[in-house]
Amino acid sequence: MDIYELNEVNIDIINLIHAFKNIKTNVYKIDFDYVDWAFSIKKKYDLCFCLGIVYHMENPVLFLRNLYEITNKYAVIESDTPLITESFRGNGGYFMNRDQVTLTGGNIRQLLEMRPNRKALIDTLLFVGFKKVSVIEQDPNITSTYFISGEKSILFAEK
């Protein structure tokens, strides 16, 4: 298993947890805002997990194209999907959000996020090349208004 992360604090936490649990993984630092981050990985994975990343991207289409490039078979994408009711010609929509993240040494990176709603995220995954995208429904024993309302989505994309 390989893990890619931008923030060195998160990398340190992941390494500590894995050492405590005796889990063997490779944790790499990578900046997903670079246009060609998929080519820096230099390998493909049968299953990719993309957890809580898409909605932090300035260019989610480019990010998902890179995800497609490193995926051999399947990708699981968990993302906030804002409730946007207006659409253009029946398509999904993107919501612009300003945010920031604190990096190593207290450096702050300003973010201009383009957060897709659920339909836009599905449409974008199909647009970048995935052949089929399914919504993973929540466990009926666990009630979460975020998943029921569509504010959060877990999608299963197949090549």
Protein backbone atom coordinates (compact mmCIF):
# COMPACT_ATOMS: atom_id res chain seq x y z
CA MET A 1 0.00 0.00 0.00
CA ASP A 2 1.24 3.47 -0.89
CA ILE A 3 -0.05 6.73 0.56
CA TYR A 4 0.40 10.20 -0.95
CA GLU A 5 -0.02 13.35 1.14
CA LEU A 6 0.94 17.02 0.90
CA ASN A 7 1.19 18.02 4.54
CA GLU A 8 4.30 16.79 6.39
CA VAL A 9 2.44 16.90 9.73
CA ASN A 10 -0.09 14.42 8.32
CA ILE A 11 2.74 12.29 6.95
CA ASP A 12 4.34 12.18 10.41
CA ILE A 13 1.00 11.18 11.98
CA ILE A 14 0.46 8.45 9.38
CA ASN A 15 3.97 7.10 10.00
CA LEU A 16 3.44 7.10 13.79
CA ILE A 17 0.13 5.24 13.50
CA HIS A 18 1.63 2.71 11.11
CA ALA A 19 4.65 2.16 13.35
CA PHE A 20 2.36 1.67 16.37
CA LYS A 21 0.13 -0.77 14.46
CA ASN A 22 3.11 -2.42 12.68
CA ILE A 23 1.63 -1.63 9.25
CA LYS A 24 4.02 -1.68 6.31
CA THR A 25 3.31 1.19 3.91
CA ASN A 26 5.13 3.73 1.83
CA VAL A 27 4.15 7.33 2.54
CA TYR A 28 5.18 9.90 -0.05
CA LYS A 29 4.92 13.67 -0.12
CA ILE A 30 3.22 14.95 -3.25
CA ASP A 31 1.60 18.21 -4.29
CA PHE A 32 -1.63 17.41 -6.10
CA ASP A 33 -1.87 20.94 -7.51
CA TYR A 34 0.95 20.21 -9.96
CA VAL A 35 -0.38 19.63 -13.45
CA ASP A 36 1.39 16.32 -14.01
CA TRP A 37 1.44 14.74 -10.56
CA ALA A 38 0.36 11.36 -12.01
CA PHE A 39 3.57 11.14 -14.02
CA SER A 40 5.69 11.69 -10.92
CA ILE A 41 4.16 8.56 -9.35
CA LYS A 42 5.37 6.36 -12.23
CA LYS A 43 3.09 3.44 -11.44
CA LYS A 44 -0.55 2.42 -11.57
CA TYR A 45 -2.78 0.90 -8.93
CA ASP A 46 -5.64 -1.57 -9.26
CA LEU A 47 -7.53 0.31 -6.54
CA CYS A 48 -7.12 3.98 -5.63
CA PHE A 49 -8.76 5.68 -2.66
CA CYS A 50 -9.25 9.41 -2.98
CA LEU A 51 -10.52 10.53 0.41
CA GLY A 52 -11.34 14.16 1.13
CA ILE A 53 -9.23 15.63 -1.64
CA VAL A 54 -11.36 16.56 -4.65
CA TYR A 55 -13.19 19.41 -2.95
CA HIS A 56 -9.89 21.09 -2.06
CA MET A 57 -8.76 21.30 -5.69
CA GLU A 58 -8.60 24.47 -7.72
CA ASN A 59 -8.95 22.33 -10.83
CA PRO A 60 -10.87 19.12 -9.98
CA VAL A 61 -11.07 18.07 -13.65
CA LEU A 62 -7.27 18.04 -13.92
CA PHE A 63 -6.98 16.26 -10.57
CA LEU A 64 -9.44 13.55 -11.67
CA ARG A 65 -7.60 13.14 -15.00
CA ASN A 66 -4.45 12.42 -13.00
CA LEU A 67 -6.39 9.99 -10.79
CA TYR A 68 -7.58 8.22 -13.93
CA GLU A 69 -3.98 7.95 -15.15
CA ILE A 70 -2.77 6.13 -12.02
CA THR A 71 -5.83 3.85 -11.78
CA ASN A 72 -5.76 0.41 -13.41
CA LYS A 73 -9.24 -0.77 -12.43
CA TYR A 74 -11.16 1.07 -9.70
CA ALA A 75 -11.20 4.31 -7.75
CA VAL A 76 -13.17 5.13 -4.62
CA ILE A 77 -13.78 8.84 -4.24
CA GLU A 78 -15.11 10.39 -1.02
CA SER A 79 -15.90 14.07 -1.27
CA ASP A 80 -17.97 16.86 0.13
CA THR A 81 -20.58 17.57 -2.52
CA PRO A 82 -22.32 20.87 -1.81
CA LEU A 83 -26.03 21.11 -2.36
CA ILE A 84 -26.28 23.25 -5.47
CA THR A 85 -29.78 23.33 -6.87
CA GLU A 86 -29.17 25.54 -9.87
CA SER A 87 -27.80 23.91 -12.97
CA PHE A 88 -26.89 24.85 -16.51
CA ARG A 89 -28.79 22.77 -19.05
CA GLY A 90 -29.46 20.10 -16.44
CA ASN A 91 -25.79 19.53 -15.64
CA GLY A 92 -24.16 19.40 -12.24
CA GLY A 93 -22.55 22.46 -10.74
CA TYR A 94 -19.39 23.61 -9.02
CA PHE A 95 -19.28 25.84 -5.95
CA MET A 96 -16.29 28.14 -5.47
CA ASN A 97 -14.85 28.31 -1.96
CA ARG A 98 -11.83 30.14 -0.49
CA ASP A 99 -9.88 28.27 2.16
CA GLN A 100 -6.36 27.79 3.44
CA VAL A 101 -4.13 24.99 4.71
CA THR A 102 -1.19 25.27 7.08
CA LEU A 103 1.86 23.42 5.77
CA THR A 104 5.19 22.58 7.37
CA GLY A 105 6.89 25.38 9.25
CA GLY A 106 3.64 27.31 9.60
CA ASN A 107 3.54 28.17 5.89
CA ILE A 108 0.00 28.92 4.81
CA ARG A 109 -1.24 28.08 1.33
CA GLN A 110 -4.33 29.92 0.17
CA LEU A 111 -6.79 27.69 -1.66
CA LEU A 112 -9.40 28.51 -4.24
CA GLU A 113 -11.48 25.36 -4.24
CA MET A 114 -13.95 24.32 -6.90
CA ARG A 115 -16.31 21.93 -5.09
CA PRO A 116 -18.50 19.81 -7.40
CA ASN A 117 -21.95 18.71 -6.37
CA ARG A 118 -22.67 14.98 -6.66
CA LYS A 119 -23.92 15.13 -10.25
CA ALA A 120 -20.97 17.27 -11.37
CA LEU A 121 -18.51 14.90 -9.68
CA ILE A 122 -20.08 11.87 -11.40
CA ASP A 123 -20.16 13.70 -14.75
CA THR A 124 -16.51 14.75 -14.35
CA LEU A 125 -15.37 11.20 -13.55
CA LEU A 126 -17.13 9.97 -16.68
CA PHE A 127 -15.70 12.85 -18.72
CA VAL A 128 -12.09 12.03 -17.75
CA GLY A 129 -12.50 8.43 -18.90
CA PHE A 130 -14.03 6.25 -16.20
CA LYS A 131 -16.62 3.97 -17.85
CA LYS A 132 -19.02 3.56 -14.93
CA VAL A 133 -19.59 5.51 -11.72
CA SER A 134 -21.82 4.26 -8.91
CA VAL A 135 -22.88 5.95 -5.69
CA ILE A 136 -22.02 3.85 -2.65
CA GLU A 137 -25.09 4.17 -0.48
CA GLN A 138 -24.67 4.55 3.24
CA ASP A 139 -25.23 1.65 5.61
CA PRO A 140 -28.97 1.64 6.48
CA ASN A 141 -28.06 1.12 10.16
CA ILE A 142 -26.16 4.40 10.22
CA THR A 143 -28.09 7.57 9.61
CA SER A 144 -26.08 10.50 8.35
CA THR A 145 -27.87 13.54 7.02
CA TYR A 146 -24.73 14.45 5.05
CA PHE A 147 -25.01 11.36 2.83
CA ILE A 148 -28.81 11.35 2.66
CA SER A 149 -28.93 15.01 1.63
CA GLY A 150 -26.11 14.63 -0.91
CA GLU A 151 -23.72 16.96 0.95
CA LYS A 152 -21.19 14.12 1.05
CA SER A 153 -20.71 11.36 -1.50
CA ILE A 154 -18.76 8.15 -1.84
CA LEU A 155 -18.42 7.08 -5.46
CA PHE A 156 -17.06 3.90 -7.04
CA ALA A 157 -15.50 4.56 -10.46
CA GLU A 158 -14.57 1.77 -12.88
CA LYS A 159 -12.21 1.96 -15.86
